[in-house]
């Protein structure tokens, strides 16, 4: 037990150090000024005790509020930047070193928010599989987007926690007998926590609602068929879906004045954007998400004007993404058998990434965690195959020696 705890701590520390190093060395990324500006709005309201005005902030309304609000809360501990006059580039510019920012300490502080959530995601996965946690810790795509002021780190960690909690109750849910809620407080709390995390993840970035679909699909496929006439199972599913929806609305203050209208308006922006000029100009092919996932971040260092992943030097120590991707393919059968909810997460997430026209590199983070778990299964499959081959070879050698 002590040895396992030390192993988990070492993997989390590895994830933390690699991400903190990237946070300190990566140049300013394309969307960081946008999310820093959003954080300024919320920081200003927090500093002036005007929390009731948070729903009025419509800046960057195309994305939900939670992650930007967390950044704003951290930024509120620093002296105010003063009045905002509408230019997102007023404090730092794209593709410049972090030291060139007007307040580099603020940029680094907000980056460290992502670092901490990235380490949390790794830590939770490590509880499921230390090998998978180690793979996620060194994956350069994960490191990149959990080391900058982007929206990915918070929802990625919440989704990982949600799936982990769901897994704690999954065996109970799959029993053949009729479900009884009595004396199962622990499982019910895990399910409630999972639903809240799924709703909050979507309130940080809409795309992470895909994981809620994966959990729901797993429930319908593995839980309901165990006893179709058990209405407790159906009622529990409906209740968890309602709790997730409530958590989503509750964690996104922008929706408070008019939840349905504002949500429709926000989603309409994304639907229009995927067919807009910026997406067409990028010209990414249908399979671009697979390219993001199968190569290390440094493979995308193109001329500055076209650079999707700004970098200046050795920000990434490990470049194992291609190896991880190939192992993940090999591990898919074992992932399907042993971790069905992660398989659903990976399958549904990839389907969404391939279908959705907007194919920015950060979107691929949606499926990096389940891909790393699949890679760990692939490595285990290789190890087992190697062990069997070695055993057969040794037996053959003994027979030959006896002859």
Protein backbone atom coordinates (compact mmCIF):
# COMPACT_ATOMS: atom_id res chain seq x y z
CA UNK A 1 0.00 0.00 0.00
CA UNK A 2 2.79 2.40 0.93
CA UNK A 3 4.65 1.58 -2.26
CA UNK A 4 1.53 2.25 -4.36
CA UNK A 5 0.99 5.60 -2.63
CA UNK A 6 4.59 6.58 -3.35
CA UNK A 7 4.16 5.55 -6.99
CA UNK A 8 0.99 7.63 -7.36
CA UNK A 9 2.68 10.62 -5.72
CA UNK A 10 5.68 10.30 -8.05
CA UNK A 11 3.47 10.23 -11.15
CA UNK A 12 1.48 13.26 -10.00
CA UNK A 13 4.73 15.10 -9.26
CA UNK A 14 6.01 14.24 -12.74
CA UNK A 15 2.85 15.65 -14.32
CA UNK A 16 3.09 18.77 -12.17
CA UNK A 17 6.77 19.44 -12.93
CA UNK A 18 6.43 18.89 -16.69
CA UNK A 19 3.42 21.18 -16.90
CA UNK A 20 4.93 23.87 -14.68
CA UNK A 21 8.06 23.84 -16.85
CA UNK A 22 5.94 24.25 -19.98
CA UNK A 23 3.94 27.05 -18.30
CA UNK A 24 7.17 28.92 -17.58
CA UNK A 25 8.72 28.45 -21.04
CA UNK A 26 5.92 28.36 -23.64
CA UNK A 27 5.32 31.59 -25.59
CA UNK A 28 1.91 33.23 -25.50
CA UNK A 29 -0.67 31.09 -27.31
CA UNK A 30 -3.36 32.37 -29.64
CA UNK A 31 -6.37 32.38 -27.34
CA UNK A 32 -4.63 33.24 -24.08
CA UNK A 33 -5.23 37.02 -24.45
CA UNK A 34 -8.94 36.31 -24.94
CA UNK A 35 -9.31 34.23 -21.78
CA UNK A 36 -7.06 36.58 -19.80
CA UNK A 37 -9.37 39.43 -20.82
CA UNK A 38 -12.43 37.44 -19.74
CA UNK A 39 -10.71 36.78 -16.40
CA UNK A 40 -10.15 40.52 -15.98
CA UNK A 41 -13.87 41.19 -16.23
CA UNK A 42 -14.64 38.68 -13.48
CA UNK A 43 -11.67 39.73 -11.34
CA UNK A 44 -12.87 43.33 -11.43
CA UNK A 45 -16.35 42.36 -10.22
CA UNK A 46 -14.94 40.12 -7.49
CA UNK A 47 -12.58 42.82 -6.25
CA UNK A 48 -15.41 45.34 -6.05
CA UNK A 49 -17.96 43.01 -4.41
CA UNK A 50 -20.23 43.10 -7.47
CA UNK A 51 -20.82 39.39 -7.84
CA UNK A 52 -24.46 39.93 -8.78
CA UNK A 53 -23.25 41.51 -12.04
CA UNK A 54 -21.36 38.42 -13.21
CA UNK A 55 -24.29 37.23 -15.39
CA UNK A 56 -24.11 40.53 -17.27
CA UNK A 57 -20.67 39.79 -18.70
CA UNK A 58 -21.20 38.81 -22.34
CA UNK A 59 -17.55 38.89 -23.42
CA UNK A 60 -16.59 35.58 -25.11
CA UNK A 61 -20.21 34.41 -24.63
CA UNK A 62 -19.61 31.58 -27.12
CA UNK A 63 -17.94 29.61 -24.32
CA UNK A 64 -19.52 28.91 -20.92
CA UNK A 65 -18.25 30.77 -17.88
CA UNK A 66 -16.87 28.37 -15.26
CA UNK A 67 -13.21 28.09 -16.35
CA UNK A 68 -12.97 31.83 -17.04
CA UNK A 69 -14.56 32.56 -13.67
CA UNK A 70 -11.93 30.40 -11.93
CA UNK A 71 -9.21 32.35 -13.73
CA UNK A 72 -10.91 35.59 -12.66
CA UNK A 73 -11.02 34.46 -9.04
CA UNK A 74 -7.26 33.86 -9.07
CA UNK A 75 -6.59 37.13 -10.89
CA UNK A 76 -8.60 39.01 -8.25
CA UNK A 77 -5.80 38.38 -5.74
CA UNK A 78 -3.51 40.63 -7.79
CA UNK A 79 -3.73 44.43 -8.09
CA UNK A 80 -6.27 45.51 -10.68
CA UNK A 81 -5.14 46.17 -14.24
CA UNK A 82 -7.43 49.19 -14.27
CA UNK A 83 -10.19 50.08 -16.68
CA UNK A 84 -10.67 47.75 -19.63
CA UNK A 85 -10.99 49.50 -22.97
CA UNK A 86 -11.65 46.60 -25.29
CA UNK A 87 -8.31 45.50 -26.74
CA UNK A 88 -7.46 41.89 -25.83
CA UNK A 89 -3.86 42.46 -26.90
CA UNK A 90 -3.16 45.34 -24.54
CA UNK A 91 -1.09 43.33 -22.03
CA UNK A 92 0.65 40.73 -24.21
CA UNK A 93 0.75 39.57 -27.82
CA UNK A 94 0.48 36.22 -29.49
CA UNK A 95 3.65 34.15 -29.91
CA UNK A 96 5.81 36.35 -27.68
CA UNK A 97 7.74 35.08 -24.64
CA UNK A 98 5.86 35.16 -21.35
CA UNK A 99 8.49 37.60 -20.04
CA UNK A 100 7.38 40.12 -22.68
CA UNK A 101 3.93 40.45 -21.08
CA UNK A 102 3.14 43.60 -19.09
CA UNK A 103 2.43 41.42 -16.04
CA UNK A 104 4.22 38.09 -16.57
CA UNK A 105 3.54 37.08 -12.97
CA UNK A 106 -0.21 37.23 -13.64
CA UNK A 107 0.06 35.22 -16.83
CA UNK A 108 2.13 32.58 -15.06
CA UNK A 109 -0.30 32.48 -12.12
CA UNK A 110 -3.24 31.79 -14.43
CA UNK A 111 -1.21 29.20 -16.31
CA UNK A 112 -0.54 27.48 -13.01
CA UNK A 113 -4.30 27.11 -12.55
CA UNK A 114 -4.27 24.95 -15.69
CA UNK A 115 -1.18 23.12 -14.43
CA UNK A 116 -2.89 22.17 -11.18
CA UNK A 117 -6.02 20.88 -12.92
CA UNK A 118 -3.84 18.99 -15.41
CA UNK A 119 -2.01 17.34 -12.51
CA UNK A 120 -5.38 16.55 -10.87
CA UNK A 121 -6.58 14.83 -14.05
CA UNK A 122 -3.38 12.77 -14.11
CA UNK A 123 -3.72 11.91 -10.43
CA UNK A 124 -7.27 10.59 -10.80
CA UNK A 125 -6.31 8.48 -13.83
CA UNK A 126 -3.35 7.15 -11.83
CA UNK A 127 -5.80 5.85 -9.21
CA UNK A 128 -7.38 3.76 -11.97
CA UNK A 129 -4.12 2.72 -13.65
CA UNK A 130 -0.68 3.98 -12.60
CA UNK A 131 0.69 3.12 -16.04
CA UNK A 132 -2.05 5.14 -17.76
CA UNK A 133 -1.40 8.02 -15.37
CA UNK A 134 2.30 8.00 -16.25
CA UNK A 135 1.48 8.01 -19.97
CA UNK A 136 -0.87 10.98 -19.51
CA UNK A 137 1.76 12.75 -17.42
CA UNK A 138 4.23 12.75 -20.33
CA UNK A 139 1.81 13.18 -23.26
CA UNK A 140 2.83 16.44 -24.98
CA UNK A 141 -0.68 17.33 -26.19
CA UNK A 142 -1.98 17.12 -22.63
CA UNK A 143 1.02 19.05 -21.30
CA UNK A 144 0.58 21.82 -23.85
CA UNK A 145 -3.07 22.58 -23.17
CA UNK A 146 -2.94 22.08 -19.43
CA UNK A 147 -0.07 24.58 -19.19
CA UNK A 148 -1.58 27.65 -20.84
CA UNK A 149 -4.57 29.93 -20.17
CA UNK A 150 -7.04 27.81 -22.10
CA UNK A 151 -10.35 26.22 -21.14
CA UNK A 152 -9.27 22.58 -21.41
CA UNK A 153 -7.65 21.75 -18.06
CA UNK A 154 -10.64 22.29 -15.76
CA UNK A 155 -13.25 20.30 -17.74
CA UNK A 156 -10.73 17.55 -18.51
CA UNK A 157 -10.07 17.05 -14.79
CA UNK A 158 -13.79 17.20 -13.95
CA UNK A 159 -14.60 14.58 -16.60
CA UNK A 160 -11.88 12.30 -15.29
CA UNK A 161 -13.23 12.66 -11.76
CA UNK A 162 -16.79 12.05 -13.01
CA UNK A 163 -15.86 8.81 -14.78
CA UNK A 164 -13.81 7.67 -11.79
CA UNK A 165 -16.77 8.21 -9.44
CA UNK A 166 -19.16 6.50 -11.86
CA UNK A 167 -16.82 3.52 -11.94
CA UNK A 168 -17.03 3.23 -8.14
CA UNK A 169 -20.78 2.53 -8.43
CA UNK A 170 -20.78 0.65 -11.74
CA UNK A 171 -20.46 -2.86 -10.29
CA UNK A 172 -23.41 -2.21 -7.96
CA UNK A 173 -25.50 -0.89 -10.83
CA UNK A 174 -24.80 -3.96 -13.00
CA UNK A 175 -26.04 -6.54 -10.49
CA UNK A 176 -28.79 -8.86 -11.70
CA UNK A 177 -31.01 -8.31 -8.68
CA UNK A 178 -33.45 -5.43 -8.41
CA UNK A 179 -31.67 -2.31 -7.25
CA UNK A 180 -32.25 -1.27 -3.66
CA UNK A 181 -31.12 2.20 -2.65
CA UNK A 182 -30.98 1.28 1.02
CA UNK A 183 -27.53 0.83 2.55
CA UNK A 184 -25.88 2.09 -0.64
CA UNK A 185 -25.19 5.66 0.40
CA UNK A 186 -21.59 5.46 -0.80
CA UNK A 187 -22.57 4.42 -4.32
CA UNK A 188 -25.34 7.02 -4.51
CA UNK A 189 -22.95 9.76 -3.39
CA UNK A 190 -20.46 8.66 -6.04
CA UNK A 191 -23.14 8.80 -8.72
CA UNK A 192 -24.32 12.21 -7.55
CA UNK A 193 -20.75 13.49 -7.52
CA UNK A 194 -20.24 12.11 -11.02
CA UNK A 195 -23.35 13.89 -12.31
CA UNK A 196 -22.32 17.21 -10.73
CA UNK A 197 -18.82 16.93 -12.23
CA UNK A 198 -20.23 16.17 -15.68
CA UNK A 199 -22.52 19.19 -15.55
CA UNK A 200 -19.73 21.44 -14.29
CA UNK A 201 -17.38 20.17 -17.03
CA UNK A 202 -19.86 21.22 -19.70
CA UNK A 203 -20.15 24.59 -17.93
CA UNK A 204 -16.41 25.03 -18.47
CA UNK A 205 -16.47 24.03 -22.14
CA UNK A 206 -19.45 22.66 -24.04
CA UNK A 207 -17.52 19.95 -25.89
CA UNK A 208 -16.89 18.10 -22.65
CA UNK A 209 -20.60 17.34 -22.44
CA UNK A 210 -19.62 14.49 -24.78
CA UNK A 211 -18.36 12.61 -21.72
CA UNK A 212 -21.84 12.80 -20.19
CA UNK A 213 -23.15 11.12 -23.35
CA UNK A 214 -20.50 8.41 -22.94
CA UNK A 215 -21.50 7.79 -19.32
CA UNK A 216 -25.18 7.75 -20.30
CA UNK A 217 -24.52 5.32 -23.16
CA UNK A 218 -22.57 3.04 -20.83
CA UNK A 219 -25.45 3.12 -18.34
CA UNK A 220 -27.99 2.22 -21.04
CA UNK A 221 -25.86 -0.59 -22.46
CA UNK A 222 -24.47 -2.19 -19.29
CA UNK A 223 -26.93 -1.30 -16.51
CA UNK A 224 -30.44 -1.25 -17.97
CA UNK A 225 -30.23 -4.67 -19.72
CA UNK A 226 -29.31 -6.35 -16.41
CA UNK A 227 -32.96 -5.96 -15.38
CA UNK A 228 -35.04 -4.01 -17.91
CA UNK A 229 -38.21 -4.01 -15.81
CA UNK A 230 -36.46 -2.44 -12.81
CA UNK A 231 -37.82 1.10 -12.79
CA UNK A 232 -35.35 2.08 -10.09
CA UNK A 233 -32.60 1.91 -12.70
CA UNK A 234 -34.53 4.16 -15.07
CA UNK A 235 -35.45 6.56 -12.28
CA UNK A 236 -31.84 6.76 -11.14
CA UNK A 237 -30.69 7.55 -14.68
CA UNK A 238 -33.30 10.30 -15.07
CA UNK A 239 -32.42 11.73 -11.67
CA UNK A 240 -28.69 11.79 -12.45
CA UNK A 241 -29.35 13.46 -15.81
CA UNK A 242 -31.45 16.12 -14.08
CA UNK A 243 -28.73 16.67 -11.48
CA UNK A 244 -26.09 17.05 -14.21
CA UNK A 245 -28.29 19.57 -16.04
CA UNK A 246 -28.85 21.53 -12.83
CA UNK A 247 -25.10 21.55 -12.13
CA UNK A 248 -24.46 22.78 -15.67
CA UNK A 249 -26.82 25.73 -15.33
CA UNK A 250 -25.70 26.45 -11.77
CA UNK A 251 -22.03 26.57 -12.78
CA UNK A 252 -22.60 28.96 -15.70
CA UNK A 253 -23.87 32.31 -14.34
CA UNK A 254 -24.16 33.73 -17.86
CA UNK A 255 -27.29 31.59 -18.29
CA UNK A 256 -29.10 32.83 -15.17
CA UNK A 257 -31.19 35.66 -16.70
CA UNK A 258 -32.53 33.49 -19.54
CA UNK A 259 -31.17 29.91 -19.49
CA UNK A 260 -32.82 28.63 -22.67
CA UNK A 261 -32.37 31.81 -24.71
CA UNK A 262 -28.77 32.47 -23.74
CA UNK A 263 -27.76 28.83 -24.16
CA UNK A 264 -29.31 28.77 -27.65
CA UNK A 265 -27.53 32.01 -28.53
CA UNK A 266 -24.19 30.71 -27.28
CA UNK A 267 -24.47 27.37 -29.06
CA UNK A 268 -25.58 29.11 -32.26
CA UNK A 269 -22.25 30.95 -32.32
CA UNK A 270 -20.33 27.65 -32.31
CA UNK A 271 -22.60 26.15 -34.96
CA UNK A 272 -22.07 29.18 -37.19
CA UNK A 273 -18.35 29.37 -36.43
CA UNK A 274 -17.63 25.83 -37.64
CA UNK A 275 -18.87 26.91 -41.07
CA UNK A 276 -17.15 30.30 -40.96
CA UNK A 277 -14.15 31.81 -42.73
CA UNK A 278 -11.59 31.03 -40.00
CA UNK A 279 -12.36 27.30 -40.15
CA UNK A 280 -12.40 27.24 -43.96
CA UNK A 281 -9.11 29.14 -44.12
CA UNK A 282 -7.42 26.61 -41.84
CA UNK A 283 -8.30 23.90 -44.34
CA UNK A 284 -7.88 21.00 -41.93
CA UNK A 285 -8.96 17.60 -43.34
CA UNK A 286 -11.65 15.38 -41.85
CA UNK A 287 -9.06 13.24 -40.04
CA UNK A 288 -7.07 16.17 -38.57
CA UNK A 289 -7.87 15.17 -34.93
CA UNK A 290 -6.04 11.89 -35.54
CA UNK A 291 -3.02 13.87 -36.73
CA UNK A 292 -3.06 16.01 -33.57
CA UNK A 293 -3.23 12.88 -31.42
CA UNK A 294 -0.61 10.82 -33.26
CA UNK A 295 2.27 13.30 -33.30
CA UNK A 296 4.13 15.27 -30.62
CA UNK A 297 3.41 18.97 -30.31
CA UNK A 298 6.82 19.86 -31.73
CA UNK A 299 5.84 18.25 -35.06
CA UNK A 300 3.51 21.20 -35.71
CA UNK A 301 6.16 23.93 -35.54
CA UNK A 302 5.37 25.60 -38.87
CA UNK A 303 6.11 29.20 -39.89
CA UNK A 304 4.87 31.66 -37.25
CA UNK A 305 1.97 33.02 -39.30
CA UNK A 306 0.49 29.51 -39.61
CA UNK A 307 1.67 28.04 -36.32
CA UNK A 308 -1.08 26.18 -34.45
CA UNK A 309 1.11 25.42 -31.43
CA UNK A 310 3.55 28.24 -30.60
CA UNK A 311 6.85 27.12 -29.14
CA UNK A 312 10.32 28.58 -28.76
CA UNK A 313 12.57 25.76 -27.59
CA UNK A 314 12.66 22.56 -25.57
CA UNK A 315 9.36 23.10 -23.73
CA UNK A 316 8.59 19.39 -24.06
CA UNK A 317 11.01 16.84 -22.66
CA UNK A 318 9.13 13.71 -23.80
CA UNK A 319 7.91 13.28 -27.38
CA UNK A 320 6.18 9.91 -27.15
CA UNK A 321 2.82 10.80 -28.70
CA UNK A 322 3.16 8.58 -31.78
CA UNK A 323 4.13 5.60 -29.62
CA UNK A 324 1.21 6.34 -27.28
CA UNK A 325 -1.20 6.54 -30.23
CA UNK A 326 -0.08 3.19 -31.66
CA UNK A 327 -0.31 1.52 -28.24
CA UNK A 328 -3.82 2.97 -27.84
CA UNK A 329 -4.94 1.29 -31.06
CA UNK A 330 -3.48 -2.00 -29.86
CA UNK A 331 -5.23 -1.64 -26.49
CA UNK A 332 -8.73 -0.96 -27.81
CA UNK A 333 -10.05 -4.56 -27.41
CA UNK A 334 -8.87 -4.72 -23.80
CA UNK A 335 -10.24 -1.23 -23.11
CA UNK A 336 -13.64 -2.31 -24.46
CA UNK A 337 -13.73 -5.35 -22.17
CA UNK A 338 -12.25 -3.89 -19.01
CA UNK A 339 -13.17 -0.19 -19.09
CA UNK A 340 -16.39 0.20 -21.12
CA UNK A 341 -17.07 3.78 -20.00
CA UNK A 342 -13.60 4.87 -21.12
CA UNK A 343 -14.09 3.05 -24.41
CA UNK A 344 -17.38 4.91 -24.91
CA UNK A 345 -15.65 8.18 -24.00
CA UNK A 346 -12.93 7.56 -26.57
CA UNK A 347 -15.28 6.33 -29.32
CA UNK A 348 -17.96 9.02 -28.96
CA UNK A 349 -15.35 11.72 -28.43
CA UNK A 350 -13.44 10.76 -31.57
CA UNK A 351 -16.65 10.58 -33.58
CA UNK A 352 -17.49 14.12 -32.47
CA UNK A 353 -14.01 15.44 -33.28
CA UNK A 354 -14.11 13.91 -36.75
CA UNK A 355 -17.61 15.17 -37.56
CA UNK A 356 -17.22 18.67 -36.08
CA UNK A 357 -15.78 21.06 -38.67
CA UNK A 358 -13.80 23.14 -36.17
CA UNK A 359 -10.64 21.09 -35.66
CA UNK A 360 -8.36 23.27 -33.55
CA UNK A 361 -5.61 21.28 -31.81
CA UNK A 362 -6.88 21.94 -28.28
CA UNK A 363 -10.12 20.10 -29.09
CA UNK A 364 -8.17 16.82 -29.21
CA UNK A 365 -7.56 17.06 -25.45
CA UNK A 366 -11.15 15.80 -25.09
CA UNK A 367 -10.00 12.21 -25.77
CA UNK A 368 -6.35 12.21 -24.64
CA UNK A 369 -7.11 10.70 -21.21
CA UNK A 370 -9.06 7.64 -22.43
CA UNK A 371 -6.50 7.25 -25.22
CA UNK A 372 -3.75 7.05 -22.59
CA UNK A 373 -5.70 4.39 -20.69
CA UNK A 374 -6.07 2.44 -23.93
CA UNK A 375 -2.32 2.84 -24.49
CA UNK A 376 -1.66 1.33 -21.07
CA UNK A 377 -3.85 -1.62 -22.04
CA UNK A 378 -1.91 -1.92 -25.29
CA UNK A 379 1.38 -1.98 -23.40
CA UNK A 380 -0.01 -4.63 -21.05
CA UNK A 381 -1.11 -6.69 -24.06
CA UNK A 382 2.40 -6.47 -25.51
CA UNK A 383 3.91 -7.49 -22.18
CA UNK A 384 1.59 -10.51 -21.93
CA UNK A 385 2.32 -11.53 -25.50
CA UNK A 386 6.04 -11.19 -24.85
CA UNK A 387 5.77 -13.26 -21.69
CA UNK A 388 3.87 -16.04 -23.52
CA UNK A 389 6.39 -16.03 -26.36
CA UNK A 390 9.28 -16.21 -23.90
CA UNK A 391 7.64 -19.09 -22.01
CA UNK A 392 7.06 -21.06 -25.24
CA UNK A 393 10.59 -20.41 -26.37
CA UNK A 394 12.04 -21.61 -23.05
CA UNK A 395 9.89 -24.78 -23.17
CA UNK A 396 11.08 -25.48 -26.72
CA UNK A 397 14.69 -25.01 -25.65
CA UNK A 398 14.25 -27.44 -22.75
CA UNK A 399 12.73 -30.08 -25.06
CA UNK A 400 15.59 -29.69 -27.48
CA UNK A 401 18.09 -29.99 -24.63
CA UNK A 402 16.42 -33.20 -23.41
CA UNK A 403 16.58 -34.67 -26.89
